[in-house]
Every structure is written in C-alpha cells, then in structure tokens.
C-alpha atoms as a PDB file:
ATOM      1  CA  MET A   1      28.132   5.873  -4.249  1.00  0.00           C
ATOM      2  CA  GLN A   2      25.789   7.264  -6.000  1.00  0.00           C
ATOM      3  CA  VAL A   3      24.292   6.808 -10.001  1.00  0.00           C
ATOM      4  CA  LEU A   4      22.545   9.057 -11.627  1.00  0.00           C
ATOM      5  CA  ILE A   5      19.812   6.233 -14.205  1.00  0.00           C
ATOM      6  CA  ARG A   6      17.354   7.870 -16.960  1.00  0.00           C
ATOM      7  CA  ASP A   7      14.872   6.280 -18.960  1.00  0.00           C
ATOM      8  CA  GLU A   8      15.324   7.745 -22.315  1.00  0.00           C
ATOM      9  CA  SER A   9      13.307   7.564 -25.329  1.00  0.00           C
ATOM     10  CA  VAL A  10      15.317   5.990 -28.484  1.00  0.00           C
ATOM     11  CA  MET A  11      14.979  10.171 -29.840  1.00  0.00           C
ATOM     12  CA  GLY A  12      16.858  11.204 -26.383  1.00  0.00           C
ATOM     13  CA  ALA A  13      13.654  12.473 -24.606  1.00  0.00           C
ATOM     14  CA  VAL A  14      14.491  11.924 -20.656  1.00  0.00           C
ATOM     15  CA  THR A  15      11.198  10.171 -19.730  1.00  0.00           C
ATOM     16  CA  ASN A  16      12.107   8.712 -16.213  1.00  0.00           C
ATOM     17  CA  GLN A  17      15.209   9.634 -13.988  1.00  0.00           C
ATOM     18  CA  LEU A  18      16.257   8.222 -10.339  1.00  0.00           C
ATOM     19  CA  THR A  19      19.418   7.879  -8.173  1.00  0.00           C
ATOM     20  CA  LEU A  20      20.847   4.719  -7.465  1.00  0.00           C
ATOM     21  CA  ASP A  21      23.266   3.715  -4.640  1.00  0.00           C
ATOM     22  CA  VAL A  22      25.317   1.285  -5.357  1.00  0.00           C
ATOM     23  CA  LEU A  23      28.181  -0.187  -3.313  1.00  0.00           C
ATOM     24  CA  ASP A  24      30.794  -1.130  -5.087  1.00  0.00           C
ATOM     25  CA  GLU A  25      32.421   0.898  -8.185  1.00  0.00           C
ATOM     26  CA  THR A  26      32.646  -1.831 -10.744  1.00  0.00           C
ATOM     27  CA  ILE A  27      29.257  -3.716 -10.972  1.00  0.00           C
ATOM     28  CA  THR A  28      28.656  -6.155 -14.041  1.00  0.00           C
ATOM     29  CA  VAL A  29      25.044  -5.235 -15.866  1.00  0.00           C
ATOM     30  CA  ARG A  30      23.523  -7.649 -14.179  1.00  0.00           C
ATOM     31  CA  GLU A  31      23.819  -6.274 -10.918  1.00  0.00           C
ATOM     32  CA  LEU A  32      23.350  -2.680 -12.250  1.00  0.00           C
ATOM     33  CA  ILE A  33      19.744  -3.928 -13.804  1.00  0.00           C
ATOM     34  CA  ARG A  34      18.691  -5.940 -10.050  1.00  0.00           C
ATOM     35  CA  SER A  35      19.675  -2.923  -8.051  1.00  0.00           C
ATOM     36  CA  ARG A  36      17.778  -0.661 -10.260  1.00  0.00           C
ATOM     37  CA  VAL A  37      14.411  -2.603  -9.960  1.00  0.00           C
ATOM     38  CA  TYR A  38      14.725  -3.332  -6.401  1.00  0.00           C
ATOM     39  CA  GLN A  39      15.116   0.147  -6.190  1.00  0.00           C
ATOM     40  CA  GLU A  40      11.918   1.283  -7.961  1.00  0.00           C
ATOM     41  CA  VAL A  41       9.909  -1.894  -6.541  1.00  0.00           C
ATOM     42  CA  GLU A  42      10.695  -1.185  -3.478  1.00  0.00           C
ATOM     43  CA  ASP A  43       9.630   2.244  -3.433  1.00  0.00           C
ATOM     44  CA  HIS A  44       6.156   1.576  -5.332  1.00  0.00           C
ATOM     45  CA  ASN A  45       5.617  -0.842  -2.534  1.00  0.00           C
ATOM     46  CA  ARG A  46       6.857   0.948   0.614  1.00  0.00           C
ATOM     47  CA  ARG A  47       3.812   3.686  -1.686  1.00  0.00           C
ATOM     48  CA  VAL A  48       1.477   0.940  -1.349  1.00  0.00           C
ATOM     49  CA  ARG A  49       1.622   0.020   1.953  1.00  0.00           C
ATOM     50  CA  GLN A  50       1.583   3.462   3.288  1.00  0.00           C
ATOM     51  CA  ALA A  51      -2.102   4.412   5.057  1.00  0.00           C
ATOM     52  CA  ASN A  52      -4.741   4.996   3.000  1.00  0.00           C
ATOM     53  CA  ALA A  53      -1.960   4.702  -0.703  1.00  0.00           C
ATOM     54  CA  ALA A  54      -3.588   5.747  -3.631  1.00  0.00           C
ATOM     55  CA  ALA A  55      -4.115   3.255  -6.377  1.00  0.00           C
ATOM     56  CA  THR A  56      -0.685   4.435  -8.282  1.00  0.00           C
ATOM     57  CA  PRO A  57       0.109   1.712 -11.125  1.00  0.00           C
ATOM     58  CA  PHE A  58       3.597   0.621 -11.387  1.00  0.00           C
ATOM     59  CA  ASN A  59       6.049   2.195 -13.931  1.00  0.00           C
ATOM     60  CA  GLY A  60       9.564   0.462 -14.014  1.00  0.00           C
ATOM     61  CA  LEU A  61      11.681  -0.387 -15.834  1.00  0.00           C
ATOM     62  CA  VAL A  62       9.385  -2.896 -17.280  1.00  0.00           C
ATOM     63  CA  THR A  63       5.877  -3.298 -16.091  1.00  0.00           C
ATOM     64  CA  PRO A  64       3.622  -6.156 -15.156  1.00  0.00           C
ATOM     65  CA  THR A  65       2.199  -8.160 -17.837  1.00  0.00           C
ATOM     66  CA  PRO A  66      -1.587  -7.498 -18.527  1.00  0.00           C
ATOM     67  CA  LEU A  67      -2.423 -10.643 -16.668  1.00  0.00           C
ATOM     68  CA  GLU A  68      -0.542  -9.792 -13.927  1.00  0.00           C
ATOM     69  CA  ARG A  69      -1.775  -6.531 -13.704  1.00  0.00           C
ATOM     70  CA  ALA A  70      -5.701  -7.609 -14.210  1.00  0.00           C
ATOM     71  CA  LEU A  71      -4.778 -10.709 -10.857  1.00  0.00           C
ATOM     72  CA  ASN A  72      -2.740  -7.588  -8.929  1.00  0.00           C
ATOM     73  CA  GLY A  73      -4.995  -4.753  -9.578  1.00  0.00           C
ATOM     74  CA  PRO A  74      -6.475  -3.126  -7.125  1.00  0.00           C
ATOM     75  CA  GLN A  75      -9.701  -4.956  -5.366  1.00  0.00           C
ATOM     76  CA  ALA A  76     -13.049  -4.351  -5.522  1.00  0.00           C
ATOM     77  CA  GLY A  77     -14.026  -1.756  -3.540  1.00  0.00           C
ATOM     78  CA  SER A  78     -10.300  -0.701  -2.615  1.00  0.00           C
ATOM     79  CA  ALA A  79      -8.501   2.092  -3.964  1.00  0.00           C
ATOM     80  CA  LYS A  80      -5.501   0.174  -3.112  1.00  0.00           C
ATOM     81  CA  THR A  81      -2.624  -1.801  -5.543  1.00  0.00           C
ATOM     82  CA  ARG A  82      -1.049  -4.623  -4.642  1.00  0.00           C
ATOM     83  CA  GLU A  83       2.440  -4.820  -4.094  1.00  0.00           C
ATOM     84  CA  VAL A  84       4.759  -5.893  -6.974  1.00  0.00           C
ATOM     85  CA  ASP A  85       7.293  -8.813  -6.806  1.00  0.00           C
ATOM     86  CA  TRP A  86      11.230  -7.568  -7.618  1.00  0.00           C
ATOM     87  CA  LYS A  87      12.448 -10.520  -8.525  1.00  0.00           C
ATOM     88  CA  LYS A  88       9.501 -11.748 -11.365  1.00  0.00           C
ATOM     89  CA  GLN A  89      10.507  -7.705 -12.766  1.00  0.00           C
ATOM     90  CA  PHE A  90      14.102  -8.451 -12.430  1.00  0.00           C
ATOM     91  CA  ASP A  91      13.452 -11.842 -14.595  1.00  0.00           C
ATOM     92  CA  ALA A  92      11.551  -9.778 -16.918  1.00  0.00           C
ATOM     93  CA  ALA A  93      14.174  -6.553 -17.473  1.00  0.00           C
ATOM     94  CA  CYS A  94      16.547  -9.602 -18.278  1.00  0.00           C
ATOM     95  CA  GLU A  95      14.674 -11.169 -19.998  1.00  0.00           C
ATOM     96  CA  ALA A  96      13.988  -7.889 -21.704  1.00  0.00           C
ATOM     97  CA  PHE A  97      17.847  -6.857 -22.194  1.00  0.00           C
ATOM     98  CA  ALA A  98      18.973  -9.882 -23.392  1.00  0.00           C
ATOM     99  CA  ARG A  99      16.141  -9.942 -26.532  1.00  0.00           C
ATOM    100  CA  ASN A 100      17.108  -6.214 -27.001  1.00  0.00           C
ATOM    101  CA  GLY A 101      13.871  -4.743 -25.437  1.00  0.00           C
ATOM    102  CA  PHE A 102      16.455  -1.627 -24.423  1.00  0.00           C
ATOM    103  CA  PHE A 103      19.668  -1.070 -24.334  1.00  0.00           C
ATOM    104  CA  ILE A 104      22.077   0.925 -21.550  1.00  0.00           C
ATOM    105  CA  LEU A 105      24.492   3.128 -22.128  1.00  0.00           C
ATOM    106  CA  MET A 106      26.793   4.409 -20.023  1.00  0.00           C
ATOM    107  CA  GLY A 107      28.571   8.235 -21.636  1.00  0.00           C
ATOM    108  CA  ASP A 108      29.191   6.293 -24.929  1.00  0.00           C
ATOM    109  CA  ARG A 109      29.611   3.026 -24.640  1.00  0.00           C
ATOM    110  CA  GLN A 110      26.714   1.104 -25.479  1.00  0.00           C
ATOM    111  CA  ALA A 111      26.453  -2.583 -22.635  1.00  0.00           C
ATOM    112  CA  GLU A 112      27.081  -5.473 -24.411  1.00  0.00           C
ATOM    113  CA  SER A 113      25.968  -8.174 -21.806  1.00  0.00           C
ATOM    114  CA  LEU A 114      24.463  -9.223 -18.533  1.00  0.00           C
ATOM    115  CA  ASP A 115      27.813 -10.120 -17.707  1.00  0.00           C
ATOM    116  CA  GLN A 116      29.783  -7.551 -18.803  1.00  0.00           C
ATOM    117  CA  THR A 117      31.542  -5.079 -15.936  1.00  0.00           C
ATOM    118  CA  ILE A 118      31.454  -2.119 -15.835  1.00  0.00           C
ATOM    119  CA  ALA A 119      33.292   0.761 -14.176  1.00  0.00           C
ATOM    120  CA  LEU A 120      31.239   3.525 -12.144  1.00  0.00           C
ATOM    121  CA  ARG A 121      32.285   6.523 -10.700  1.00  0.00           C
ATOM    122  CA  HIS A 122      30.788   9.588  -8.606  1.00  0.00           C
ATOM    123  CA  ASP A 123      29.576  11.472 -11.811  1.00  0.00           C
ATOM    124  CA  THR A 124      28.377   8.506 -13.892  1.00  0.00           C
ATOM    125  CA  THR A 125      25.079   8.686 -15.752  1.00  0.00           C
ATOM    126  CA  VAL A 126      24.057   5.442 -16.809  1.00  0.00           C
ATOM    127  CA  SER A 127      20.875   5.725 -19.566  1.00  0.00           C
ATOM    128  CA  PHE A 128      17.988   3.060 -20.343  1.00  0.00           C
ATOM    129  CA  VAL A 129      16.757   3.087 -24.170  1.00  0.00           C
ATOM    130  CA  LYS A 130      14.042   2.017 -24.215  1.00  0.00           C
ATOM    131  CA  LEU A 131      12.816   0.239 -27.840  1.00  0.00           C
ATOM    132  CA  MET A 132       9.572   0.666 -29.348  1.00  0.00           C
ATOM    133  CA  PRO A 133       8.331  -2.698 -31.140  1.00  0.00           C
ATOM    134  CA  LEU A 134       7.371  -2.276 -34.643  1.00  0.00           C
ATOM    135  CA  VAL A 135       3.823  -3.008 -35.596  1.00  0.00           C
ATOM    136  CA  GLY A 136       2.903  -4.660 -38.986  1.00  0.00           C
ATOM    137  CA  GLY A 137       5.303  -7.280 -40.369  1.00  0.00           C
END
C-alpha cells in the first residue's frame, strides 16, 4: 500500500511531499517514522553513490546536526556529499516527536505517542507539521 506523506508548515503550506510504501494497513507512529526516515535517507544515499553526484544536502524530516554536517560534508577537492546514517536520523526524529518538534496528522486526528497504532487506507494522507522554535525568552 502507498501512503502520501506531506511536510507542512504550521500555516498549512506543503513544503515537501513523498509517497511511502507500507506493508500493513495498521502501523505504529514509530514504524511510520522509521519507514519515512529510512526511505528518504536511502533516496539521498542512492543519489550520493551515483557517479559524479553533485553535492546535495540532506533534506529530510530531521537534518543532521551542524557537527555531523561538518564532519560528513563535502570532502576537500570533492563535489560529493557523504552518506547519511538512517539510524541516527530515526533516533533524532523520534526524539524530535517526543519533544514536540513536529506533530503528525492523519486526516483530522493527531498522533499522540510513538506507540500509537494507526489504521491506513489507500487514500490516507499523513501530514508531518514541523514546529519552529521560538526565538527569545
């Protein structure tokens, strides 16, 4: 089954969209995040492995930390970007969900926890709404 995944701003603007293949009609929020992160990291890494792949920054649910970007960025004299570790990205995404860095909507229902089971249909659209941290105190 395929599920439409959208990244949205708080104002409702769609900033990214992808189709995710899932095996079961029921899935936990954690499994949904894992599947999404794994697919987008694999897509990025496949582009990186292509011959003469230009440096393209990873643009996923969560982005590598500045230190990780510095360590894994383009090598001196090279236009290639290094691969991203999907497990680190998955851990960071789960942590971000737990601290309300983003929330997930399935239709008009909001995911409450990583262990919540959700039912998917062929026409399900899942929205990942990223929250921007407030500046100041």
